[in-house]
N, C-alpha and C. Protein backbone atom coordinates (compact mmCIF):
# COMPACT_ATOMS: atom_id res chain seq x y z
N UNK A 1 22.99 7.72 19.12
CA UNK A 1 21.73 7.04 18.86
C UNK A 1 20.72 7.93 18.16
N UNK A 2 20.91 9.24 18.29
CA UNK A 2 19.94 10.13 17.67
C UNK A 2 19.98 10.03 16.14
N UNK A 3 21.13 9.65 15.57
CA UNK A 3 21.23 9.49 14.11
C UNK A 3 20.36 8.31 13.67
N UNK A 4 20.43 7.21 14.40
CA UNK A 4 19.58 6.06 14.09
C UNK A 4 18.11 6.41 14.28
N UNK A 5 17.82 7.18 15.31
CA UNK A 5 16.44 7.61 15.54
C UNK A 5 15.93 8.47 14.39
N UNK A 6 16.75 9.41 13.94
CA UNK A 6 16.36 10.24 12.80
C UNK A 6 16.18 9.41 11.54
N UNK A 7 17.08 8.43 11.35
CA UNK A 7 16.96 7.56 10.19
C UNK A 7 15.65 6.78 10.21
N UNK A 8 15.28 6.23 11.36
CA UNK A 8 14.04 5.46 11.46
C UNK A 8 12.82 6.34 11.24
N UNK A 9 12.85 7.56 11.74
CA UNK A 9 11.74 8.48 11.54
C UNK A 9 11.62 8.84 10.06
N UNK A 10 12.75 9.12 9.42
CA UNK A 10 12.73 9.45 7.99
C UNK A 10 12.26 8.25 7.18
N UNK A 11 12.74 7.06 7.53
CA UNK A 11 12.32 5.85 6.84
C UNK A 11 10.81 5.64 6.98
N UNK A 12 10.29 5.87 8.17
CA UNK A 12 8.85 5.73 8.40
C UNK A 12 8.06 6.72 7.56
N UNK A 13 8.54 7.94 7.44
CA UNK A 13 7.83 8.95 6.65
C UNK A 13 7.86 8.60 5.16
N UNK A 14 9.00 8.14 4.67
CA UNK A 14 9.09 7.72 3.26
C UNK A 14 8.18 6.52 3.01
N UNK A 15 8.18 5.56 3.93
CA UNK A 15 7.31 4.39 3.80
C UNK A 15 5.85 4.81 3.80
N UNK A 16 5.49 5.76 4.63
CA UNK A 16 4.12 6.26 4.68
C UNK A 16 3.72 6.88 3.35
N UNK A 17 4.60 7.67 2.75
CA UNK A 17 4.31 8.28 1.45
C UNK A 17 4.17 7.20 0.39
N UNK A 18 5.08 6.22 0.37
CA UNK A 18 5.01 5.15 -0.61
C UNK A 18 3.72 4.34 -0.47
N UNK A 19 3.32 4.06 0.75
CA UNK A 19 2.07 3.33 0.97
C UNK A 19 0.87 4.15 0.53
N UNK A 20 0.89 5.46 0.75
CA UNK A 20 -0.21 6.32 0.33
C UNK A 20 -0.30 6.37 -1.20
N UNK A 21 0.83 6.48 -1.88
CA UNK A 21 0.83 6.48 -3.34
C UNK A 21 0.29 5.15 -3.86
N UNK A 22 0.75 4.05 -3.28
CA UNK A 22 0.29 2.73 -3.72
C UNK A 22 -1.20 2.56 -3.43
N UNK A 23 -1.67 3.11 -2.34
CA UNK A 23 -3.10 3.07 -2.02
C UNK A 23 -3.91 3.72 -3.14
N UNK A 24 -3.44 4.87 -3.62
CA UNK A 24 -4.15 5.56 -4.70
C UNK A 24 -4.06 4.79 -6.01
N UNK A 25 -2.94 4.13 -6.25
CA UNK A 25 -2.82 3.30 -7.46
C UNK A 25 -3.85 2.17 -7.41
N UNK A 26 -4.01 1.55 -6.25
CA UNK A 26 -5.01 0.47 -6.10
C UNK A 26 -6.42 1.01 -6.29
N UNK A 27 -6.71 2.17 -5.72
CA UNK A 27 -8.05 2.76 -5.85
C UNK A 27 -8.33 3.11 -7.31
N UNK A 28 -7.36 3.72 -7.99
CA UNK A 28 -7.56 4.08 -9.40
C UNK A 28 -7.76 2.84 -10.26
N UNK A 29 -6.98 1.79 -9.98
CA UNK A 29 -7.15 0.56 -10.74
C UNK A 29 -8.54 -0.04 -10.52
N UNK A 30 -9.01 -0.01 -9.28
CA UNK A 30 -10.34 -0.55 -9.00
C UNK A 30 -11.42 0.26 -9.72
N UNK A 31 -11.28 1.58 -9.72
CA UNK A 31 -12.27 2.42 -10.40
C UNK A 31 -12.23 2.21 -11.91
N UNK A 32 -11.04 2.10 -12.48
CA UNK A 32 -10.93 1.91 -13.92
C UNK A 32 -11.49 0.55 -14.34
N UNK A 33 -11.41 -0.43 -13.47
CA UNK A 33 -11.91 -1.76 -13.83
C UNK A 33 -13.43 -1.77 -14.03
N UNK A 34 -14.12 -0.76 -13.55
CA UNK A 34 -15.58 -0.70 -13.70
C UNK A 34 -16.01 -0.28 -15.11
N UNK A 35 -15.09 0.32 -15.90
CA UNK A 35 -15.51 0.90 -17.18
C UNK A 35 -14.97 0.16 -18.39
N UNK A 36 -14.44 -1.06 -18.23
CA UNK A 36 -13.92 -1.85 -19.33
C UNK A 36 -12.87 -1.07 -20.13
N UNK A 37 -11.72 -0.84 -19.52
CA UNK A 37 -10.69 -0.02 -20.18
C UNK A 37 -9.98 -0.78 -21.31
N UNK A 38 -9.34 -0.01 -22.18
CA UNK A 38 -8.53 -0.59 -23.24
C UNK A 38 -7.30 -1.24 -22.61
N UNK A 39 -7.10 -2.55 -22.77
CA UNK A 39 -5.98 -3.21 -22.10
C UNK A 39 -4.61 -2.77 -22.63
N UNK A 40 -4.56 -2.13 -23.80
CA UNK A 40 -3.30 -1.69 -24.37
C UNK A 40 -2.96 -0.24 -24.03
N UNK A 41 -3.84 0.41 -23.30
CA UNK A 41 -3.57 1.77 -22.86
C UNK A 41 -2.39 1.74 -21.88
N UNK A 42 -1.41 2.62 -22.04
CA UNK A 42 -0.22 2.58 -21.17
C UNK A 42 -0.55 2.78 -19.69
N UNK A 43 -1.55 3.59 -19.40
CA UNK A 43 -1.92 3.82 -18.00
C UNK A 43 -2.51 2.54 -17.40
N UNK A 44 -3.38 1.89 -18.15
CA UNK A 44 -4.00 0.65 -17.69
C UNK A 44 -2.93 -0.43 -17.52
N UNK A 45 -2.01 -0.49 -18.46
CA UNK A 45 -0.91 -1.46 -18.37
C UNK A 45 -0.07 -1.22 -17.12
N UNK A 46 0.26 0.05 -16.86
CA UNK A 46 1.03 0.37 -15.65
C UNK A 46 0.26 -0.02 -14.39
N UNK A 47 -1.03 0.32 -14.33
CA UNK A 47 -1.82 0.01 -13.14
C UNK A 47 -1.87 -1.49 -12.90
N UNK A 48 -2.03 -2.26 -13.94
CA UNK A 48 -2.08 -3.72 -13.78
C UNK A 48 -0.74 -4.28 -13.36
N UNK A 49 0.34 -3.79 -13.98
CA UNK A 49 1.67 -4.28 -13.61
C UNK A 49 2.03 -3.90 -12.18
N UNK A 50 1.54 -2.77 -11.72
CA UNK A 50 1.86 -2.31 -10.37
C UNK A 50 1.04 -3.03 -9.30
N UNK A 51 -0.15 -3.48 -9.65
CA UNK A 51 -1.02 -4.05 -8.63
C UNK A 51 -1.22 -5.56 -8.72
N UNK A 52 -1.07 -6.14 -9.91
CA UNK A 52 -1.31 -7.59 -10.06
C UNK A 52 -0.44 -8.46 -9.16
N UNK A 53 0.86 -8.15 -8.97
CA UNK A 53 1.65 -9.04 -8.10
C UNK A 53 1.13 -9.12 -6.66
N UNK A 54 0.43 -8.10 -6.22
CA UNK A 54 -0.12 -8.12 -4.86
C UNK A 54 -1.56 -8.60 -4.86
N UNK A 55 -2.32 -8.22 -5.88
CA UNK A 55 -3.73 -8.59 -5.91
C UNK A 55 -3.97 -10.06 -6.25
N UNK A 56 -3.13 -10.64 -7.10
CA UNK A 56 -3.37 -12.03 -7.52
C UNK A 56 -3.32 -13.03 -6.35
N UNK A 57 -2.35 -12.94 -5.42
CA UNK A 57 -2.41 -13.85 -4.27
C UNK A 57 -3.66 -13.61 -3.40
N UNK A 58 -4.06 -12.35 -3.29
CA UNK A 58 -5.27 -12.05 -2.52
C UNK A 58 -6.51 -12.60 -3.21
N UNK A 59 -6.52 -12.60 -4.55
CA UNK A 59 -7.66 -13.14 -5.29
C UNK A 59 -7.77 -14.65 -5.13
N UNK A 60 -6.64 -15.33 -4.89
CA UNK A 60 -6.70 -16.77 -4.62
C UNK A 60 -7.28 -17.03 -3.23
N UNK A 61 -7.01 -16.12 -2.30
CA UNK A 61 -7.53 -16.28 -0.94
C UNK A 61 -8.99 -15.84 -0.86
N UNK A 62 -9.29 -14.71 -1.54
CA UNK A 62 -10.65 -14.15 -1.53
C UNK A 62 -11.17 -14.19 -2.96
N UNK A 63 -11.79 -15.27 -3.38
CA UNK A 63 -12.28 -15.34 -4.77
C UNK A 63 -13.44 -14.36 -4.99
N UNK A 64 -13.62 -13.92 -6.24
CA UNK A 64 -14.73 -13.01 -6.53
C UNK A 64 -16.07 -13.65 -6.15
N UNK A 65 -16.92 -12.84 -5.57
CA UNK A 65 -18.24 -13.33 -5.16
C UNK A 65 -19.31 -12.49 -5.85
N UNK A 66 -20.16 -13.14 -6.61
CA UNK A 66 -21.24 -12.42 -7.29
C UNK A 66 -20.72 -11.42 -8.32
N UNK A 67 -19.59 -11.72 -8.92
CA UNK A 67 -19.02 -10.81 -9.90
C UNK A 67 -18.23 -9.66 -9.31
N UNK A 68 -18.15 -9.59 -8.00
CA UNK A 68 -17.41 -8.51 -7.33
C UNK A 68 -16.07 -9.04 -6.83
N UNK A 69 -15.01 -8.31 -7.14
CA UNK A 69 -13.67 -8.65 -6.68
C UNK A 69 -13.39 -7.85 -5.42
N UNK A 70 -13.27 -8.52 -4.29
CA UNK A 70 -13.04 -7.84 -3.03
C UNK A 70 -11.56 -7.74 -2.65
N UNK A 71 -10.68 -8.24 -3.52
CA UNK A 71 -9.25 -8.20 -3.20
C UNK A 71 -8.70 -6.76 -3.10
N UNK A 72 -9.17 -5.79 -3.93
CA UNK A 72 -8.67 -4.42 -3.71
C UNK A 72 -9.06 -3.85 -2.34
N UNK A 73 -10.23 -4.23 -1.86
CA UNK A 73 -10.65 -3.76 -0.54
C UNK A 73 -9.75 -4.37 0.53
N UNK A 74 -9.44 -5.65 0.38
CA UNK A 74 -8.53 -6.30 1.34
C UNK A 74 -7.16 -5.66 1.30
N UNK A 75 -6.67 -5.34 0.09
CA UNK A 75 -5.36 -4.69 -0.03
C UNK A 75 -5.36 -3.31 0.59
N UNK A 76 -6.44 -2.57 0.41
CA UNK A 76 -6.55 -1.25 1.03
C UNK A 76 -6.50 -1.37 2.55
N UNK A 77 -7.17 -2.37 3.10
CA UNK A 77 -7.14 -2.58 4.55
C UNK A 77 -5.74 -2.97 5.02
N UNK A 78 -5.04 -3.77 4.23
CA UNK A 78 -3.66 -4.14 4.58
C UNK A 78 -2.76 -2.90 4.56
N UNK A 79 -2.94 -2.05 3.56
CA UNK A 79 -2.13 -0.82 3.48
C UNK A 79 -2.40 0.06 4.69
N UNK A 80 -3.68 0.22 5.05
CA UNK A 80 -4.00 1.03 6.24
C UNK A 80 -3.39 0.42 7.50
N UNK A 81 -3.43 -0.91 7.61
CA UNK A 81 -2.82 -1.56 8.76
C UNK A 81 -1.34 -1.25 8.82
N UNK A 82 -0.65 -1.37 7.68
CA UNK A 82 0.78 -1.08 7.64
C UNK A 82 1.06 0.38 8.01
N UNK A 83 0.21 1.28 7.55
CA UNK A 83 0.41 2.69 7.90
C UNK A 83 0.20 2.92 9.39
N UNK A 84 -0.84 2.34 9.95
CA UNK A 84 -1.12 2.60 11.37
C UNK A 84 -0.20 1.82 12.29
N UNK A 85 0.22 0.63 11.93
CA UNK A 85 1.05 -0.18 12.81
C UNK A 85 2.53 0.02 12.54
N UNK A 86 2.97 -0.31 11.33
CA UNK A 86 4.40 -0.30 11.03
C UNK A 86 4.99 1.11 11.04
N UNK A 87 4.34 2.03 10.36
CA UNK A 87 4.86 3.40 10.31
C UNK A 87 4.87 4.02 11.70
N UNK A 88 3.78 3.87 12.43
CA UNK A 88 3.72 4.43 13.78
C UNK A 88 4.76 3.79 14.69
N UNK A 89 4.95 2.49 14.58
CA UNK A 89 5.95 1.80 15.39
C UNK A 89 7.35 2.31 15.08
N UNK A 90 7.67 2.48 13.81
CA UNK A 90 8.99 3.00 13.44
C UNK A 90 9.21 4.42 13.97
N UNK A 91 8.19 5.24 13.87
CA UNK A 91 8.31 6.62 14.38
C UNK A 91 8.50 6.62 15.89
N UNK A 92 7.70 5.85 16.60
CA UNK A 92 7.83 5.81 18.06
C UNK A 92 9.18 5.24 18.49
N UNK A 93 9.66 4.21 17.79
CA UNK A 93 10.97 3.64 18.12
C UNK A 93 12.07 4.65 17.84
N UNK A 94 11.95 5.39 16.73
CA UNK A 94 12.92 6.43 16.43
C UNK A 94 12.91 7.52 17.47
N UNK A 95 11.74 7.90 17.93
CA UNK A 95 11.65 8.93 18.99
C UNK A 95 12.23 8.41 20.31
N UNK A 96 12.04 7.13 20.59
CA UNK A 96 12.58 6.59 21.84
C UNK A 96 14.10 6.56 21.82
N UNK A 97 14.68 6.42 20.63
CA UNK A 97 16.15 6.46 20.53
C UNK A 97 16.71 7.85 20.79
N UNK A 98 15.91 8.87 20.55
CA UNK A 98 16.33 10.24 20.85
C UNK A 98 16.51 10.42 22.34
N UNK A 99 15.61 9.80 23.11
CA UNK A 99 15.66 9.94 24.57
C UNK A 99 16.63 8.99 25.25
N UNK A 100 17.24 8.07 24.48
CA UNK A 100 18.13 7.07 25.07
C UNK A 100 19.54 7.60 25.28
N UNK A 101 19.77 8.85 24.99
CA UNK A 101 21.13 9.39 25.12
C UNK A 101 21.49 9.66 26.56
């Protein structure tokens, strides 16, 4: 069982890193949106392609209010929730499998 426990702990750590990287992609995209970027810039294109599939459903749920788009803030909160709940749960479950021997 310790192999499965190690796998879950490693999976949780990789997931945590991926969520942190995606968090920064969302933050950078939100900051760049304030300065009217060139839509053909490769960095801007990458940021939009990486975040639009997640932000667009949130924008339908949380429409812009007063010219402010709050969907990136909602996505950041969702990412933090996943980091605190899902990652921690996977790590604790993996640790509990170590003691199940």
